[in-house]
Amino acid sequence: MAITPIGPRVLIKPYKQEEKTKGGIYIPDSAKEKKKQGEVIAVGTFEDGKELPLKAGDIILYGGYSQEEIELDKEDYVIVEFKNVVAKMN
């Protein structure tokens, strides 16, 4: 199943967090710092129909608290508004 965001939104596959430290100590969920980095899977368009300056495969940093978490084919994804995309990594 394919998902295409509607409006200025971006579908992201977030990177998984480390379960343990380099020294082998397991990190409890309450102590994990959420990295907000992921790979762009699909993008919507601006309200006027112009394309967003992102494409599938881009690695981005994102922020914000308003995001939709979804599961598709046993994989976790996040849909965020374009205004919450902080940077594109090269």
PDB file of N, CA and C in Angstrom:
ATOM      1  N   MET A   1       0.842  -1.167   0.000  1.00  0.00           N
ATOM      2  CA  MET A   1       0.000   0.000   0.000  1.00  0.00           C
ATOM      3  C   MET A   1       0.897   1.243   0.000  1.00  0.00           C
ATOM      4  N   ALA A   2       0.559   2.204  -0.802  1.00  0.00           N
ATOM      5  CA  ALA A   2       1.320   3.453  -0.885  1.00  0.00           C
ATOM      6  C   ALA A   2       0.543   4.570  -0.209  1.00  0.00           C
ATOM      7  N   ILE A   3       1.256   5.440   0.452  1.00  0.00           N
ATOM      8  CA  ILE A   3       0.647   6.595   1.106  1.00  0.00           C
ATOM      9  C   ILE A   3       1.254   7.850   0.513  1.00  0.00           C
ATOM     10  N   THR A   4       0.402   8.777   0.114  1.00  0.00           N
ATOM     11  CA  THR A   4       0.855  10.076  -0.369  1.00  0.00           C
ATOM     12  C   THR A   4       0.268  11.138   0.542  1.00  0.00           C
ATOM     13  N   PRO A   5       1.108  11.914   1.216  1.00  0.00           N
ATOM     14  CA  PRO A   5       0.595  12.971   2.079  1.00  0.00           C
ATOM     15  C   PRO A   5      -0.176  14.020   1.280  1.00  0.00           C
ATOM     16  N   ILE A   6      -1.211  14.556   1.885  1.00  0.00           N
ATOM     17  CA  ILE A   6      -2.015  15.604   1.258  1.00  0.00           C
ATOM     18  C   ILE A   6      -1.622  16.937   1.880  1.00  0.00           C
ATOM     19  N   GLY A   7      -1.414  17.944   1.043  1.00  0.00           N
ATOM     20  CA  GLY A   7      -1.005  19.261   1.528  1.00  0.00           C
ATOM     21  C   GLY A   7       0.486  19.273   1.833  1.00  0.00           C
ATOM     22  N   PRO A   8       0.943  20.287   2.546  1.00  0.00           N
ATOM     23  CA  PRO A   8       2.375  20.419   2.828  1.00  0.00           C
ATOM     24  C   PRO A   8       2.809  19.510   3.976  1.00  0.00           C
ATOM     25  N   ARG A   9       2.794  18.204   3.720  1.00  0.00           N
ATOM     26  CA  ARG A   9       3.176  17.210   4.723  1.00  0.00           C
ATOM     27  C   ARG A   9       4.208  16.255   4.124  1.00  0.00           C
ATOM     28  N   VAL A  10       4.948  15.589   5.011  1.00  0.00           N
ATOM     29  CA  VAL A  10       6.016  14.696   4.592  1.00  0.00           C
ATOM     30  C   VAL A  10       5.867  13.367   5.332  1.00  0.00           C
ATOM     31  N   LEU A  11       5.949  12.257   4.603  1.00  0.00           N
ATOM     32  CA  LEU A  11       5.933  10.915   5.193  1.00  0.00           C
ATOM     33  C   LEU A  11       7.381  10.497   5.428  1.00  0.00           C
ATOM     34  N   ILE A  12       7.704  10.156   6.679  1.00  0.00           N
ATOM     35  CA  ILE A  12       9.082   9.868   7.077  1.00  0.00           C
ATOM     36  C   ILE A  12       9.167   8.489   7.723  1.00  0.00           C
ATOM     37  N   LYS A  13      10.243   7.789   7.427  1.00  0.00           N
ATOM     38  CA  LYS A  13      10.571   6.559   8.150  1.00  0.00           C
ATOM     39  C   LYS A  13      11.642   6.944   9.161  1.00  0.00           C
ATOM     40  N   PRO A  14      11.263   7.070  10.455  1.00  0.00           N
ATOM     41  CA  PRO A  14      12.239   7.512  11.453  1.00  0.00           C
ATOM     42  C   PRO A  14      13.319   6.456  11.666  1.00  0.00           C
ATOM     43  N   TYR A  15      14.521   6.921  11.975  1.00  0.00           N
ATOM     44  CA  TYR A  15      15.605   6.008  12.292  1.00  0.00           C
ATOM     45  C   TYR A  15      15.376   5.421  13.672  1.00  0.00           C
ATOM     46  N   LYS A  16      15.723   4.162  13.818  1.00  0.00           N
ATOM     47  CA  LYS A  16      15.562   3.473  15.098  1.00  0.00           C
ATOM     48  C   LYS A  16      16.573   3.988  16.097  1.00  0.00           C
ATOM     49  N   GLN A  17      16.164   3.989  17.356  1.00  0.00           N
ATOM     50  CA  GLN A  17      17.043   4.431  18.431  1.00  0.00           C
ATOM     51  C   GLN A  17      17.892   3.261  18.912  1.00  0.00           C
ATOM     52  N   GLU A  18      19.035   3.593  19.484  1.00  0.00           N
ATOM     53  CA  GLU A  18      19.911   2.577  20.035  1.00  0.00           C
ATOM     54  C   GLU A  18      19.260   1.967  21.275  1.00  0.00           C
ATOM     55  N   GLU A  19      19.309   0.638  21.373  1.00  0.00           N
ATOM     56  CA  GLU A  19      18.753  -0.061  22.526  1.00  0.00           C
ATOM     57  C   GLU A  19      19.751  -0.132  23.676  1.00  0.00           C
ATOM     58  N   LYS A  20      21.039  -0.047  23.336  1.00  0.00           N
ATOM     59  CA  LYS A  20      22.044  -0.094  24.393  1.00  0.00           C
ATOM     60  C   LYS A  20      23.228   0.785  24.028  1.00  0.00           C
ATOM     61  N   THR A  21      24.020   1.113  25.026  1.00  0.00           N
ATOM     62  CA  THR A  21      25.186   1.963  24.817  1.00  0.00           C
ATOM     63  C   THR A  21      26.321   1.161  24.199  1.00  0.00           C
ATOM     64  N   LYS A  22      27.379   1.849  23.797  1.00  0.00           N
ATOM     65  CA  LYS A  22      28.543   1.165  23.238  1.00  0.00           C
ATOM     66  C   LYS A  22      29.173   0.222  24.248  1.00  0.00           C
ATOM     67  N   GLY A  23      29.013   0.533  25.529  1.00  0.00           N
ATOM     68  CA  GLY A  23      29.566  -0.309  26.589  1.00  0.00           C
ATOM     69  C   GLY A  23      28.699  -1.514  26.918  1.00  0.00           C
ATOM     70  N   GLY A  24      27.511  -1.615  26.291  1.00  0.00           N
ATOM     71  CA  GLY A  24      26.648  -2.778  26.487  1.00  0.00           C
ATOM     72  C   GLY A  24      25.542  -2.581  27.506  1.00  0.00           C
ATOM     73  N   ILE A  25      25.362  -1.375  28.011  1.00  0.00           N
ATOM     74  CA  ILE A  25      24.311  -1.107  28.993  1.00  0.00           C
ATOM     75  C   ILE A  25      23.008  -0.807  28.255  1.00  0.00           C
ATOM     76  N   TYR A  26      21.926  -1.518  28.620  1.00  0.00           N
ATOM     77  CA  TYR A  26      20.640  -1.289  27.984  1.00  0.00           C
ATOM     78  C   TYR A  26      20.018   0.002  28.489  1.00  0.00           C
ATOM     79  N   ILE A  27      19.427   0.761  27.586  1.00  0.00           N
ATOM     80  CA  ILE A  27      18.822   2.055  27.902  1.00  0.00           C
ATOM     81  C   ILE A  27      17.314   1.868  28.062  1.00  0.00           C
ATOM     82  N   PRO A  28      16.752   2.219  29.227  1.00  0.00           N
ATOM     83  CA  PRO A  28      15.295   2.108  29.381  1.00  0.00           C
ATOM     84  C   PRO A  28      14.580   3.142  28.520  1.00  0.00           C
ATOM     85  N   ASP A  29      13.336   2.853  28.150  1.00  0.00           N
ATOM     86  CA  ASP A  29      12.562   3.765  27.300  1.00  0.00           C
ATOM     87  C   ASP A  29      12.444   5.158  27.897  1.00  0.00           C
ATOM     88  N   SER A  30      12.341   5.255  29.215  1.00  0.00           N
ATOM     89  CA  SER A  30      12.171   6.559  29.852  1.00  0.00           C
ATOM     90  C   SER A  30      13.421   7.432  29.744  1.00  0.00           C
ATOM     91  N   ALA A  31      14.581   6.829  29.482  1.00  0.00           N
ATOM     92  CA  ALA A  31      15.835   7.587  29.411  1.00  0.00           C
ATOM     93  C   ALA A  31      16.297   7.834  27.983  1.00  0.00           C
ATOM     94  N   LYS A  32      15.585   7.271  27.007  1.00  0.00           N
ATOM     95  CA  LYS A  32      16.003   7.443  25.621  1.00  0.00           C
ATOM     96  C   LYS A  32      15.704   8.845  25.136  1.00  0.00           C
ATOM     97  N   GLU A  33      16.673   9.412  24.439  1.00  0.00           N
ATOM     98  CA  GLU A  33      16.471  10.702  23.805  1.00  0.00           C
ATOM     99  C   GLU A  33      15.994  10.419  22.386  1.00  0.00           C
ATOM    100  N   LYS A  34      14.855  10.957  22.043  1.00  0.00           N
ATOM    101  CA  LYS A  34      14.315  10.697  20.712  1.00  0.00           C
ATOM    102  C   LYS A  34      15.067  11.497  19.669  1.00  0.00           C
ATOM    103  N   LYS A  35      15.708  10.780  18.780  1.00  0.00           N
ATOM    104  CA  LYS A  35      16.361  11.436  17.650  1.00  0.00           C
ATOM    105  C   LYS A  35      15.285  11.684  16.613  1.00  0.00           C
ATOM    106  N   LYS A  36      15.214  12.853  16.137  1.00  0.00           N
ATOM    107  CA  LYS A  36      14.211  13.185  15.140  1.00  0.00           C
ATOM    108  C   LYS A  36      14.908  13.296  13.801  1.00  0.00           C
ATOM    109  N   GLN A  37      15.316  12.151  13.325  1.00  0.00           N
ATOM    110  CA  GLN A  37      16.001  12.054  12.043  1.00  0.00           C
ATOM    111  C   GLN A  37      15.375  10.876  11.308  1.00  0.00           C
ATOM    112  N   GLY A  38      15.210  11.044  10.006  1.00  0.00           N
ATOM    113  CA  GLY A  38      14.624   9.957   9.248  1.00  0.00           C
ATOM    114  C   GLY A  38      14.774  10.150   7.760  1.00  0.00           C
ATOM    115  N   GLU A  39      14.247   9.174   7.036  1.00  0.00           N
ATOM    116  CA  GLU A  39      14.312   9.175   5.576  1.00  0.00           C
ATOM    117  C   GLU A  39      12.945   9.530   5.003  1.00  0.00           C
ATOM    118  N   VAL A  40      12.923  10.423   4.041  1.00  0.00           N
ATOM    119  CA  VAL A  40      11.683  10.826   3.385  1.00  0.00           C
ATOM    120  C   VAL A  40      11.206   9.684   2.488  1.00  0.00           C
ATOM    121  N   ILE A  41       9.954   9.315   2.654  1.00  0.00           N
ATOM    122  CA  ILE A  41       9.347   8.264   1.836  1.00  0.00           C
ATOM    123  C   ILE A  41       8.463   8.873   0.755  1.00  0.00           C
ATOM    124  N   ALA A  42       7.676   9.877   1.131  1.00  0.00           N
ATOM    125  CA  ALA A  42       6.786  10.551   0.175  1.00  0.00           C
ATOM    126  C   ALA A  42       6.531  11.973   0.647  1.00  0.00           C
ATOM    127  N   VAL A  43       6.217  12.855  -0.294  1.00  0.00           N
ATOM    128  CA  VAL A  43       5.928  14.255   0.033  1.00  0.00           C
ATOM    129  C   VAL A  43       4.641  14.706  -0.637  1.00  0.00           C
ATOM    130  N   GLY A  44       3.983  15.660  -0.002  1.00  0.00           N
ATOM    131  CA  GLY A  44       2.796  16.278  -0.578  1.00  0.00           C
ATOM    132  C   GLY A  44       3.206  17.502  -1.384  1.00  0.00           C
ATOM    133  N   THR A  45       2.291  18.463  -1.489  1.00  0.00           N
ATOM    134  CA  THR A  45       2.571  19.696  -2.222  1.00  0.00           C
ATOM    135  C   THR A  45       2.106  20.883  -1.384  1.00  0.00           C
ATOM    136  N   PHE A  46       2.603  22.078  -1.745  1.00  0.00           N
ATOM    137  CA  PHE A  46       2.110  23.296  -1.118  1.00  0.00           C
ATOM    138  C   PHE A  46       0.656  23.489  -1.515  1.00  0.00           C
ATOM    139  N   GLU A  47      -0.028  24.387  -0.822  1.00  0.00           N
ATOM    140  CA  GLU A  47      -1.445  24.651  -1.099  1.00  0.00           C
ATOM    141  C   GLU A  47      -1.682  25.090  -2.542  1.00  0.00           C
ATOM    142  N   ASP A  48      -0.707  25.797  -3.138  1.00  0.00           N
ATOM    143  CA  ASP A  48      -0.868  26.263  -4.518  1.00  0.00           C
ATOM    144  C   ASP A  48      -0.458  25.218  -5.555  1.00  0.00           C
ATOM    145  N   GLY A  49      -0.116  23.997  -5.104  1.00  0.00           N
ATOM    146  CA  GLY A  49       0.234  22.916  -6.022  1.00  0.00           C
ATOM    147  C   GLY A  49       1.712  22.783  -6.317  1.00  0.00           C
ATOM    148  N   LYS A  50       2.533  23.719  -5.855  1.00  0.00           N
ATOM    149  CA  LYS A  50       3.979  23.626  -6.083  1.00  0.00           C
ATOM    150  C   LYS A  50       4.559  22.493  -5.245  1.00  0.00           C
ATOM    151  N   GLU A  51       5.626  21.873  -5.773  1.00  0.00           N
ATOM    152  CA  GLU A  51       6.251  20.761  -5.081  1.00  0.00           C
ATOM    153  C   GLU A  51       7.086  21.237  -3.896  1.00  0.00           C
ATOM    154  N   LEU A  52       7.139  20.427  -2.856  1.00  0.00           N
ATOM    155  CA  LEU A  52       8.004  20.716  -1.713  1.00  0.00           C
ATOM    156  C   LEU A  52       9.452  20.462  -2.123  1.00  0.00           C
ATOM    157  N   PRO A  53      10.417  21.157  -1.505  1.00  0.00           N
ATOM    158  CA  PRO A  53      11.822  20.985  -1.895  1.00  0.00           C
ATOM    159  C   PRO A  53      12.465  19.725  -1.292  1.00  0.00           C
ATOM    160  N   LEU A  54      11.708  18.656  -1.214  1.00  0.00           N
ATOM    161  CA  LEU A  54      12.207  17.363  -0.731  1.00  0.00           C
ATOM    162  C   LEU A  54      11.794  16.290  -1.709  1.00  0.00           C
ATOM    163  N   LYS A  55      12.512  15.170  -1.665  1.00  0.00           N
ATOM    164  CA  LYS A  55      12.127  14.033  -2.501  1.00  0.00           C
ATOM    165  C   LYS A  55      12.364  12.748  -1.724  1.00  0.00           C
ATOM    166  N   ALA A  56      11.778  11.673  -2.181  1.00  0.00           N
ATOM    167  CA  ALA A  56      11.967  10.378  -1.530  1.00  0.00           C
ATOM    168  C   ALA A  56      13.451  10.040  -1.486  1.00  0.00           C
ATOM    169  N   GLY A  57      13.893   9.551  -0.335  1.00  0.00           N
ATOM    170  CA  GLY A  57      15.291   9.179  -0.158  1.00  0.00           C
ATOM    171  C   GLY A  57      16.115  10.223   0.566  1.00  0.00           C
ATOM    172  N   ASP A  58      15.617  11.469   0.674  1.00  0.00           N
ATOM    173  CA  ASP A  58      16.334  12.513   1.408  1.00  0.00           C
ATOM    174  C   ASP A  58      16.376  12.158   2.897  1.00  0.00           C
ATOM    175  N   ILE A  59      17.475  12.499   3.561  1.00  0.00           N
ATOM    176  CA  ILE A  59      17.607  12.330   5.002  1.00  0.00           C
ATOM    177  C   ILE A  59      17.380  13.700   5.632  1.00  0.00           C
ATOM    178  N   ILE A  60      16.453  13.760   6.587  1.00  0.00           N
ATOM    179  CA  ILE A  60      16.090  15.045   7.183  1.00  0.00           C
ATOM    180  C   ILE A  60      16.102  14.989   8.708  1.00  0.00           C
ATOM    181  N   LEU A  61      16.183  16.169   9.307  1.00  0.00           N
ATOM    182  CA  LEU A  61      15.951  16.362  10.729  1.00  0.00           C
ATOM    183  C   LEU A  61      14.602  17.055  10.848  1.00  0.00           C
ATOM    184  N   TYR A  62      13.804  16.634  11.819  1.00  0.00           N
ATOM    185  CA  TYR A  62      12.490  17.238  11.984  1.00  0.00           C
ATOM    186  C   TYR A  62      12.176  17.428  13.453  1.00  0.00           C
ATOM    187  N   GLY A  63      11.298  18.349  13.728  1.00  0.00           N
ATOM    188  CA  GLY A  63      10.893  18.648  15.096  1.00  0.00           C
ATOM    189  C   GLY A  63       9.397  18.742  15.183  1.00  0.00           C
ATOM    190  N   GLY A  64       8.933  19.377  16.232  1.00  0.00           N
ATOM    191  CA  GLY A  64       7.497  19.574  16.403  1.00  0.00           C
ATOM    192  C   GLY A  64       6.854  18.447  17.187  1.00  0.00           C
ATOM    193  N   TYR A  65       5.689  18.766  17.728  1.00  0.00           N
ATOM    194  CA  TYR A  65       4.953  17.788  18.522  1.00  0.00           C
ATOM    195  C   TYR A  65       3.716  17.294  17.793  1.00  0.00           C
ATOM    196  N   SER A  66       3.359  17.968  16.723  1.00  0.00           N
ATOM    197  CA  SER A  66       2.170  17.613  15.966  1.00  0.00           C
ATOM    198  C   SER A  66       2.563  16.674  14.832  1.00  0.00           C
ATOM    199  N   GLN A  67       2.485  15.382  15.102  1.00  0.00           N
ATOM    200  CA  GLN A  67       2.832  14.398  14.078  1.00  0.00           C
ATOM    201  C   GLN A  67       1.926  13.188  14.212  1.00  0.00           C
ATOM    202  N   GLU A  68       1.688  12.533  13.111  1.00  0.00           N
ATOM    203  CA  GLU A  68       0.856  11.343  13.081  1.00  0.00           C
ATOM    204  C   GLU A  68       1.765  10.130  12.934  1.00  0.00           C
ATOM    205  N   GLU A  69       1.690   9.214  13.881  1.00  0.00           N
ATOM    206  CA  GLU A  69       2.470   7.984  13.798  1.00  0.00           C
ATOM    207  C   GLU A  69       1.571   6.905  13.224  1.00  0.00           C
ATOM    208  N   ILE A  70       2.060   6.203  12.210  1.00  0.00           N
ATOM    209  CA  ILE A  70       1.282   5.135  11.594  1.00  0.00           C
ATOM    210  C   ILE A  70       2.158   3.901  11.412  1.00  0.00           C
ATOM    211  N   GLU A  71       1.512   2.753  11.285  1.00  0.00           N
ATOM    212  CA  GLU A  71       2.215   1.510  11.009  1.00  0.00           C
ATOM    213  C   GLU A  71       1.677   0.955   9.695  1.00  0.00           C
ATOM    214  N   LEU A  72       2.594   0.619   8.796  1.00  0.00           N
ATOM    215  CA  LEU A  72       2.220   0.112   7.490  1.00  0.00           C
ATOM    216  C   LEU A  72       3.144  -1.042   7.154  1.00  0.00           C
ATOM    217  N   ASP A  73       2.594  -2.188   6.867  1.00  0.00           N
ATOM    218  CA  ASP A  73       3.379  -3.387   6.555  1.00  0.00           C
ATOM    219  C   ASP A  73       4.411  -3.664   7.648  1.00  0.00           C
ATOM    220  N   LYS A  74       3.986  -3.537   8.914  1.00  0.00           N
ATOM    221  CA  LYS A  74       4.822  -3.800  10.097  1.00  0.00           C
ATOM    222  C   LYS A  74       6.019  -2.859  10.222  1.00  0.00           C
ATOM    223  N   GLU A  75       5.954  -1.710   9.580  1.00  0.00           N
ATOM    224  CA  GLU A  75       6.991  -0.681   9.680  1.00  0.00           C
ATOM    225  C   GLU A  75       6.353   0.579  10.254  1.00  0.00           C
ATOM    226  N   ASP A  76       7.098   1.303  11.081  1.00  0.00           N
ATOM    227  CA  ASP A  76       6.603   2.543  11.671  1.00  0.00           C
ATOM    228  C   ASP A  76       6.976   3.733  10.793  1.00  0.00           C
ATOM    229  N   TYR A  77       6.014   4.637  10.616  1.00  0.00           N
ATOM    230  CA  TYR A  77       6.209   5.848   9.837  1.00  0.00           C
ATOM    231  C   TYR A  77       5.630   7.026  10.606  1.00  0.00           C
ATOM    232  N   VAL A  78       6.038   8.227  10.215  1.00  0.00           N
ATOM    233  CA  VAL A  78       5.548   9.452  10.824  1.00  0.00           C
ATOM    234  C   VAL A  78       5.191  10.423   9.699  1.00  0.00           C
ATOM    235  N   ILE A  79       4.053  11.101   9.844  1.00  0.00           N
ATOM    236  CA  ILE A  79       3.679  12.162   8.912  1.00  0.00           C
ATOM    237  C   ILE A  79       3.785  13.478   9.680  1.00  0.00           C
ATOM    238  N   VAL A  80       4.615  14.390   9.168  1.00  0.00           N
ATOM    239  CA  VAL A  80       4.791  15.699   9.807  1.00  0.00           C
ATOM    240  C   VAL A  80       4.488  16.797   8.799  1.00  0.00           C
ATOM    241  N   GLU A  81       4.159  17.967   9.312  1.00  0.00           N
ATOM    242  CA  GLU A  81       3.965  19.113   8.437  1.00  0.00           C
ATOM    243  C   GLU A  81       5.331  19.598   7.953  1.00  0.00           C
ATOM    244  N   PHE A  82       5.368  20.126   6.733  1.00  0.00           N
ATOM    245  CA  PHE A  82       6.626  20.579   6.150  1.00  0.00           C
ATOM    246  C   PHE A  82       7.291  21.647   7.009  1.00  0.00           C
ATOM    247  N   LYS A  83       6.501  22.485   7.674  1.00  0.00           N
ATOM    248  CA  LYS A  83       7.078  23.559   8.486  1.00  0.00           C
ATOM    249  C   LYS A  83       7.893  23.004   9.654  1.00  0.00           C
ATOM    250  N   ASN A  84       7.703  21.732  10.015  1.00  0.00           N
ATOM    251  CA  ASN A  84       8.446  21.105  11.108  1.00  0.00           C
ATOM    252  C   ASN A  84       9.738  20.433  10.631  1.00  0.00           C
ATOM    253  N   VAL A  85      10.002  20.451   9.339  1.00  0.00           N
ATOM    254  CA  VAL A  85      11.263  19.923   8.825  1.00  0.00           C
ATOM    255  C   VAL A  85      12.321  20.988   9.068  1.00  0.00           C
ATOM    256  N   VAL A  86      13.361  20.612   9.829  1.00  0.00           N
ATOM    257  CA  VAL A  86      14.369  21.569  10.254  1.00  0.00           C
ATOM    258  C   VAL A  86      15.521  21.652   9.258  1.00  0.00           C
ATOM    259  N   ALA A  87      15.970  20.510   8.739  1.00  0.00           N
ATOM    260  CA  ALA A  87      17.138  20.516   7.854  1.00  0.00           C
ATOM    261  C   ALA A  87      17.142  19.271   6.977  1.00  0.00           C
ATOM    262  N   LYS A  88      17.789  19.411   5.834  1.00  0.00           N
ATOM    263  CA  LYS A  88      18.039  18.301   4.922  1.00  0.00           C
ATOM    264  C   LYS A  88      19.528  17.992   5.004  1.00  0.00           C
ATOM    265  N   MET A  89      19.869  16.737   5.231  1.00  0.00           N
ATOM    266  CA  MET A  89      21.266  16.358   5.402  1.00  0.00           C
ATOM    267  C   MET A  89      21.829  15.860   4.079  1.00  0.00           C
ATOM    268  N   ASN A  90      23.073  16.252   3.805  1.00  0.00           N
ATOM    269  CA  ASN A  90      23.723  15.848   2.557  1.00  0.00           C
ATOM    270  C   ASN A  90      24.678  14.711   2.797  1.00  0.00           C
TER     271      ASN A  90
END
